[in-house]
């Protein structure tokens, strides 16, 4: 991380605030990617099939629009 901050501080017109923002964004991106990749496929299978399922609930005429 120190290498990235030193590199970003070397750019003209960039301050510590922009460097911190970049590091925060990058860390959040990595954490979200780890979460998504570690989640088991059994969680995603029912969600991926939802658009293909027929409507099991019969709605009355008042609810249909």
PDB file of N, CA and C in Angstrom:
ATOM      1  N   UNK A   1       0.827  -1.195   0.000  1.00  0.00           N
ATOM      2  CA  UNK A   1       0.000   0.000   0.000  1.00  0.00           C
ATOM      3  C   UNK A   1       0.867   1.252   0.000  1.00  0.00           C
ATOM      4  N   UNK A   2       1.986   1.174   0.695  1.00  0.00           N
ATOM      5  CA  UNK A   2       2.860   2.338   0.748  1.00  0.00           C
ATOM      6  C   UNK A   2       3.401   2.666  -0.633  1.00  0.00           C
ATOM      7  N   UNK A   3       3.661   1.641  -1.423  1.00  0.00           N
ATOM      8  CA  UNK A   3       4.144   1.844  -2.783  1.00  0.00           C
ATOM      9  C   UNK A   3       3.092   2.567  -3.618  1.00  0.00           C
ATOM     10  N   UNK A   4       1.822   2.158  -3.492  1.00  0.00           N
ATOM     11  CA  UNK A   4       0.752   2.802  -4.256  1.00  0.00           C
ATOM     12  C   UNK A   4       0.584   4.256  -3.835  1.00  0.00           C
ATOM     13  N   UNK A   5       0.651   4.531  -2.549  1.00  0.00           N
ATOM     14  CA  UNK A   5       0.494   5.906  -2.065  1.00  0.00           C
ATOM     15  C   UNK A   5       1.663   6.768  -2.528  1.00  0.00           C
ATOM     16  N   UNK A   6       2.883   6.230  -2.461  1.00  0.00           N
ATOM     17  CA  UNK A   6       4.044   6.983  -2.943  1.00  0.00           C
ATOM     18  C   UNK A   6       3.938   7.265  -4.435  1.00  0.00           C
ATOM     19  N   UNK A   7       3.469   6.295  -5.195  1.00  0.00           N
ATOM     20  CA  UNK A   7       3.303   6.483  -6.636  1.00  0.00           C
ATOM     21  C   UNK A   7       2.252   7.545  -6.930  1.00  0.00           C
ATOM     22  N   UNK A   8       1.120   7.489  -6.233  1.00  0.00           N
ATOM     23  CA  UNK A   8       0.054   8.459  -6.472  1.00  0.00           C
ATOM     24  C   UNK A   8       0.446   9.856  -6.020  1.00  0.00           C
ATOM     25  N   UNK A   9       1.211   9.966  -4.951  1.00  0.00           N
ATOM     26  CA  UNK A   9       1.660  11.285  -4.490  1.00  0.00           C
ATOM     27  C   UNK A   9       2.643  11.923  -5.472  1.00  0.00           C
ATOM     28  N   UNK A  10       3.301  11.110  -6.302  1.00  0.00           N
ATOM     29  CA  UNK A  10       4.226  11.635  -7.291  1.00  0.00           C
ATOM     30  C   UNK A  10       3.535  12.309  -8.462  1.00  0.00           C
ATOM     31  N   UNK A  11       2.235  12.085  -8.626  1.00  0.00           N
ATOM     32  CA  UNK A  11       1.476  12.697  -9.715  1.00  0.00           C
ATOM     33  C   UNK A  11       1.178  14.142  -9.345  1.00  0.00           C
ATOM     34  N   UNK A  12       1.440  15.054 -10.286  1.00  0.00           N
ATOM     35  CA  UNK A  12       1.178  16.474 -10.035  1.00  0.00           C
ATOM     36  C   UNK A  12      -0.315  16.724  -9.848  1.00  0.00           C
ATOM     37  N   UNK A  13      -0.671  17.511  -8.848  1.00  0.00           N
ATOM     38  CA  UNK A  13      -2.052  17.908  -8.620  1.00  0.00           C
ATOM     39  C   UNK A  13      -2.873  16.924  -7.813  1.00  0.00           C
ATOM     40  N   UNK A  14      -2.277  15.856  -7.325  1.00  0.00           N
ATOM     41  CA  UNK A  14      -3.035  14.890  -6.526  1.00  0.00           C
ATOM     42  C   UNK A  14      -2.583  15.031  -5.071  1.00  0.00           C
ATOM     43  N   UNK A  15      -3.520  15.055  -4.189  1.00  0.00           N
ATOM     44  CA  UNK A  15      -3.207  15.217  -2.775  1.00  0.00           C
ATOM     45  C   UNK A  15      -3.454  13.954  -1.998  1.00  0.00           C
ATOM     46  N   UNK A  16      -3.345  14.068  -0.704  1.00  0.00           N
ATOM     47  CA  UNK A  16      -3.531  12.916   0.172  1.00  0.00           C
ATOM     48  C   UNK A  16      -4.994  12.445   0.166  1.00  0.00           C
ATOM     49  N   UNK A  17      -5.921  13.376  -0.024  1.00  0.00           N
ATOM     50  CA  UNK A  17      -7.335  13.005  -0.040  1.00  0.00           C
ATOM     51  C   UNK A  17      -7.650  12.087  -1.219  1.00  0.00           C
ATOM     52  N   UNK A  18      -7.136  12.414  -2.383  1.00  0.00           N
ATOM     53  CA  UNK A  18      -7.372  11.573  -3.547  1.00  0.00           C
ATOM     54  C   UNK A  18      -6.690  10.223  -3.395  1.00  0.00           C
ATOM     55  N   UNK A  19      -5.532  10.221  -2.776  1.00  0.00           N
ATOM     56  CA  UNK A  19      -4.824   8.957  -2.559  1.00  0.00           C
ATOM     57  C   UNK A  19      -5.602   8.056  -1.615  1.00  0.00           C
ATOM     58  N   UNK A  20      -6.107   8.626  -0.540  1.00  0.00           N
ATOM     59  CA  UNK A  20      -6.892   7.850   0.418  1.00  0.00           C
ATOM     60  C   UNK A  20      -8.168   7.337  -0.236  1.00  0.00           C
ATOM     61  N   UNK A  21      -8.803   8.173  -1.052  1.00  0.00           N
ATOM     62  CA  UNK A  21     -10.023   7.757  -1.748  1.00  0.00           C
ATOM     63  C   UNK A  21      -9.745   6.587  -2.677  1.00  0.00           C
ATOM     64  N   UNK A  22      -8.645   6.644  -3.398  1.00  0.00           N
ATOM     65  CA  UNK A  22      -8.283   5.556  -4.300  1.00  0.00           C
ATOM     66  C   UNK A  22      -8.018   4.272  -3.533  1.00  0.00           C
ATOM     67  N   UNK A  23      -7.276   4.354  -2.462  1.00  0.00           N
ATOM     68  CA  UNK A  23      -6.962   3.161  -1.666  1.00  0.00           C
ATOM     69  C   UNK A  23      -8.236   2.583  -1.054  1.00  0.00           C
ATOM     70  N   UNK A  24      -9.141   3.434  -0.575  1.00  0.00           N
ATOM     71  CA  UNK A  24     -10.412   2.970  -0.015  1.00  0.00           C
ATOM     72  C   UNK A  24     -11.245   2.264  -1.078  1.00  0.00           C
ATOM     73  N   UNK A  25     -11.354   2.855  -2.260  1.00  0.00           N
ATOM     74  CA  UNK A  25     -12.114   2.236  -3.347  1.00  0.00           C
ATOM     75  C   UNK A  25     -11.510   0.895  -3.727  1.00  0.00           C
ATOM     76  N   UNK A  26     -10.207   0.839  -3.866  1.00  0.00           N
ATOM     77  CA  UNK A  26      -9.545  -0.397  -4.261  1.00  0.00           C
ATOM     78  C   UNK A  26      -9.745  -1.483  -3.203  1.00  0.00           C
ATOM     79  N   UNK A  27      -9.646  -1.123  -1.934  1.00  0.00           N
ATOM     80  CA  UNK A  27      -9.845  -2.094  -0.852  1.00  0.00           C
ATOM     81  C   UNK A  27     -11.283  -2.620  -0.848  1.00  0.00           C
ATOM     82  N   UNK A  28     -12.257  -1.735  -1.050  1.00  0.00           N
ATOM     83  CA  UNK A  28     -13.655  -2.177  -1.091  1.00  0.00           C
ATOM     84  C   UNK A  28     -13.894  -3.097  -2.287  1.00  0.00           C
ATOM     85  N   UNK A  29     -13.300  -2.765  -3.422  1.00  0.00           N
ATOM     86  CA  UNK A  29     -13.428  -3.606  -4.607  1.00  0.00           C
ATOM     87  C   UNK A  29     -12.883  -5.000  -4.344  1.00  0.00           C
ATOM     88  N   UNK A  30     -11.730  -5.085  -3.730  1.00  0.00           N
ATOM     89  CA  UNK A  30     -11.117  -6.381  -3.429  1.00  0.00           C
ATOM     90  C   UNK A  30     -11.975  -7.165  -2.434  1.00  0.00           C
ATOM     91  N   UNK A  31     -12.496  -6.502  -1.406  1.00  0.00           N
ATOM     92  CA  UNK A  31     -13.348  -7.180  -0.423  1.00  0.00           C
ATOM     93  C   UNK A  31     -14.626  -7.720  -1.047  1.00  0.00           C
ATOM     94  N   UNK A  32     -15.230  -6.957  -1.919  1.00  0.00           N
ATOM     95  CA  UNK A  32     -16.455  -7.417  -2.589  1.00  0.00           C
ATOM     96  C   UNK A  32     -16.150  -8.589  -3.510  1.00  0.00           C
ATOM     97  N   UNK A  33     -15.042  -8.527  -4.210  1.00  0.00           N
ATOM     98  CA  UNK A  33     -14.669  -9.641  -5.078  1.00  0.00           C
ATOM     99  C   UNK A  33     -14.414 -10.913  -4.271  1.00  0.00           C
ATOM    100  N   UNK A  34     -13.760 -10.792  -3.135  1.00  0.00           N
ATOM    101  CA  UNK A  34     -13.524 -11.956  -2.270  1.00  0.00           C
ATOM    102  C   UNK A  34     -14.848 -12.523  -1.780  1.00  0.00           C
ATOM    103  N   UNK A  35     -15.775 -11.655  -1.379  1.00  0.00           N
ATOM    104  CA  UNK A  35     -17.088 -12.111  -0.904  1.00  0.00           C
ATOM    105  C   UNK A  35     -17.832 -12.859  -2.006  1.00  0.00           C
ATOM    106  N   UNK A  36     -17.837 -12.303  -3.194  1.00  0.00           N
ATOM    107  CA  UNK A  36     -18.566 -12.928  -4.303  1.00  0.00           C
ATOM    108  C   UNK A  36     -17.935 -14.261  -4.677  1.00  0.00           C
ATOM    109  N   UNK A  37     -16.634 -14.324  -4.738  1.00  0.00           N
ATOM    110  CA  UNK A  37     -15.968 -15.554  -5.140  1.00  0.00           C
ATOM    111  C   UNK A  37     -16.028 -16.642  -4.073  1.00  0.00           C
ATOM    112  N   UNK A  38     -16.152 -16.263  -2.808  1.00  0.00           N
ATOM    113  CA  UNK A  38     -16.219 -17.257  -1.736  1.00  0.00           C
ATOM    114  C   UNK A  38     -17.632 -17.757  -1.475  1.00  0.00           C
ATOM    115  N   UNK A  39     -18.640 -17.068  -1.995  1.00  0.00           N
ATOM    116  CA  UNK A  39     -20.018 -17.499  -1.795  1.00  0.00           C
ATOM    117  C   UNK A  39     -20.258 -18.770  -2.603  1.00  0.00           C
ATOM    118  N   UNK A  40     -20.899 -19.732  -1.981  1.00  0.00           N
ATOM    119  CA  UNK A  40     -21.118 -21.021  -2.623  1.00  0.00           C
ATOM    120  C   UNK A  40     -22.117 -20.887  -3.767  1.00  0.00           C
ATOM    121  N   UNK A  41     -21.951 -21.722  -4.766  1.00  0.00           N
ATOM    122  CA  UNK A  41     -22.845 -21.675  -5.925  1.00  0.00           C
ATOM    123  C   UNK A  41     -24.261 -22.100  -5.566  1.00  0.00           C
ATOM    124  N   UNK A  42     -24.432 -22.829  -4.470  1.00  0.00           N
ATOM    125  CA  UNK A  42     -25.778 -23.227  -4.056  1.00  0.00           C
ATOM    126  C   UNK A  42     -26.622 -22.004  -3.678  1.00  0.00           C
ATOM    127  N   UNK A  43     -25.981 -20.914  -3.322  1.00  0.00           N
ATOM    128  CA  UNK A  43     -26.702 -19.673  -3.038  1.00  0.00           C
ATOM    129  C   UNK A  43     -27.177 -19.023  -4.330  1.00  0.00           C
ATOM    130  N   UNK A  44     -26.362 -19.086  -5.373  1.00  0.00           N
ATOM    131  CA  UNK A  44     -26.685 -18.408  -6.619  1.00  0.00           C
ATOM    132  C   UNK A  44     -27.608 -19.202  -7.535  1.00  0.00           C
ATOM    133  N   UNK A  45     -27.649 -20.524  -7.415  1.00  0.00           N
ATOM    134  CA  UNK A  45     -28.474 -21.333  -8.317  1.00  0.00           C
ATOM    135  C   UNK A  45     -29.958 -20.980  -8.256  1.00  0.00           C
ATOM    136  N   UNK A  46     -30.599 -20.912  -7.089  1.00  0.00           N
ATOM    137  CA  UNK A  46     -32.018 -20.543  -7.082  1.00  0.00           C
ATOM    138  C   UNK A  46     -32.270 -19.122  -7.611  1.00  0.00           C
ATOM    139  N   UNK A  47     -31.343 -18.227  -7.348  1.00  0.00           N
ATOM    140  CA  UNK A  47     -31.500 -16.856  -7.818  1.00  0.00           C
ATOM    141  C   UNK A  47     -31.388 -16.801  -9.332  1.00  0.00           C
ATOM    142  N   UNK A  48     -30.496 -17.581  -9.904  1.00  0.00           N
ATOM    143  CA  UNK A  48     -30.320 -17.561 -11.354  1.00  0.00           C
ATOM    144  C   UNK A  48     -31.504 -18.183 -12.085  1.00  0.00           C
ATOM    145  N   UNK A  49     -32.248 -19.054 -11.420  1.00  0.00           N
ATOM    146  CA  UNK A  49     -33.394 -19.702 -12.050  1.00  0.00           C
ATOM    147  C   UNK A  49     -34.696 -18.929 -11.872  1.00  0.00           C
ATOM    148  N   UNK A  50     -34.699 -17.895 -11.064  1.00  0.00           N
ATOM    149  CA  UNK A  50     -35.925 -17.144 -10.794  1.00  0.00           C
ATOM    150  C   UNK A  50     -36.581 -16.581 -12.048  1.00  0.00           C
ATOM    151  N   UNK A  51     -35.867 -15.989 -12.986  1.00  0.00           N
ATOM    152  CA  UNK A  51     -36.543 -15.442 -14.166  1.00  0.00           C
ATOM    153  C   UNK A  51     -37.167 -16.512 -15.053  1.00  0.00           C
ATOM    154  N   UNK A  52     -36.740 -17.756 -14.923  1.00  0.00           N
ATOM    155  CA  UNK A  52     -37.239 -18.825 -15.773  1.00  0.00           C
ATOM    156  C   UNK A  52     -38.450 -19.543 -15.188  1.00  0.00           C
ATOM    157  N   UNK A  53     -38.727 -19.333 -13.924  1.00  0.00           N
ATOM    158  CA  UNK A  53     -39.837 -20.015 -13.271  1.00  0.00           C
ATOM    159  C   UNK A  53     -41.160 -19.391 -13.684  1.00  0.00           C
ATOM    160  N   UNK A  54     -42.195 -20.237 -13.722  1.00  0.00           N
ATOM    161  CA  UNK A  54     -43.544 -19.737 -13.982  1.00  0.00           C
ATOM    162  C   UNK A  54     -44.078 -19.105 -12.718  1.00  0.00           C
ATOM    163  N   UNK A  55     -45.027 -18.211 -12.894  1.00  0.00           N
ATOM    164  CA  UNK A  55     -45.656 -17.603 -11.721  1.00  0.00           C
ATOM    165  C   UNK A  55     -46.532 -18.644 -11.037  1.00  0.00           C
ATOM    166  N   UNK A  56     -46.155 -19.009  -9.836  1.00  0.00           N
ATOM    167  CA  UNK A  56     -46.908 -20.013  -9.089  1.00  0.00           C
ATOM    168  C   UNK A  56     -48.089 -19.383  -8.374  1.00  0.00           C
ATOM    169  N   UNK A  57     -48.041 -18.097  -8.150  1.00  0.00           N
ATOM    170  CA  UNK A  57     -49.105 -17.408  -7.431  1.00  0.00           C
ATOM    171  C   UNK A  57     -50.130 -16.914  -8.445  1.00  0.00           C
ATOM    172  N   UNK A  58     -51.372 -17.243  -8.195  1.00  0.00           N
ATOM    173  CA  UNK A  58     -52.452 -16.760  -9.055  1.00  0.00           C
ATOM    174  C   UNK A  58     -52.986 -15.463  -8.478  1.00  0.00           C
ATOM    175  N   UNK A  59     -52.921 -14.418  -9.246  1.00  0.00           N
ATOM    176  CA  UNK A  59     -53.369 -13.116  -8.788  1.00  0.00           C
ATOM    177  C   UNK A  59     -54.818 -12.891  -9.188  1.00  0.00           C
ATOM    178  N   UNK A  60     -55.494 -12.130  -8.378  1.00  0.00           N
ATOM    179  CA  UNK A  60     -56.870 -11.765  -8.729  1.00  0.00           C
ATOM    180  C   UNK A  60     -56.835 -10.637  -9.764  1.00  0.00           C
ATOM    181  N   UNK A  61     -57.960 -10.301 -10.312  1.00  0.00           N
ATOM    182  CA  UNK A  61     -58.032  -9.259 -11.340  1.00  0.00           C
ATOM    183  C   UNK A  61     -57.643  -7.905 -10.767  1.00  0.00           C
ATOM    184  N   UNK A  62     -57.884  -7.672  -9.486  1.00  0.00           N
ATOM    185  CA  UNK A  62     -57.543  -6.393  -8.881  1.00  0.00           C
ATOM    186  C   UNK A  62     -56.038  -6.195  -8.792  1.00  0.00           C
ATOM    187  N   UNK A  63     -55.308  -7.297  -8.613  1.00  0.00           N
ATOM    188  CA  UNK A  63     -53.863  -7.196  -8.448  1.00  0.00           C
ATOM    189  C   UNK A  63     -53.131  -7.100  -9.763  1.00  0.00           C
ATOM    190  N   UNK A  64     -53.727  -7.595 -10.848  1.00  0.00           N
ATOM    191  CA  UNK A  64     -53.090  -7.526 -12.162  1.00  0.00           C
ATOM    192  C   UNK A  64     -53.257  -6.142 -12.750  1.00  0.00           C
ATOM    193  N   UNK A  65     -52.194  -5.609 -13.256  1.00  0.00           N
ATOM    194  CA  UNK A  65     -52.276  -4.322 -13.924  1.00  0.00           C
ATOM    195  C   UNK A  65     -51.269  -4.247 -15.019  1.00  0.00           C
TER     196      UNK A  65
END
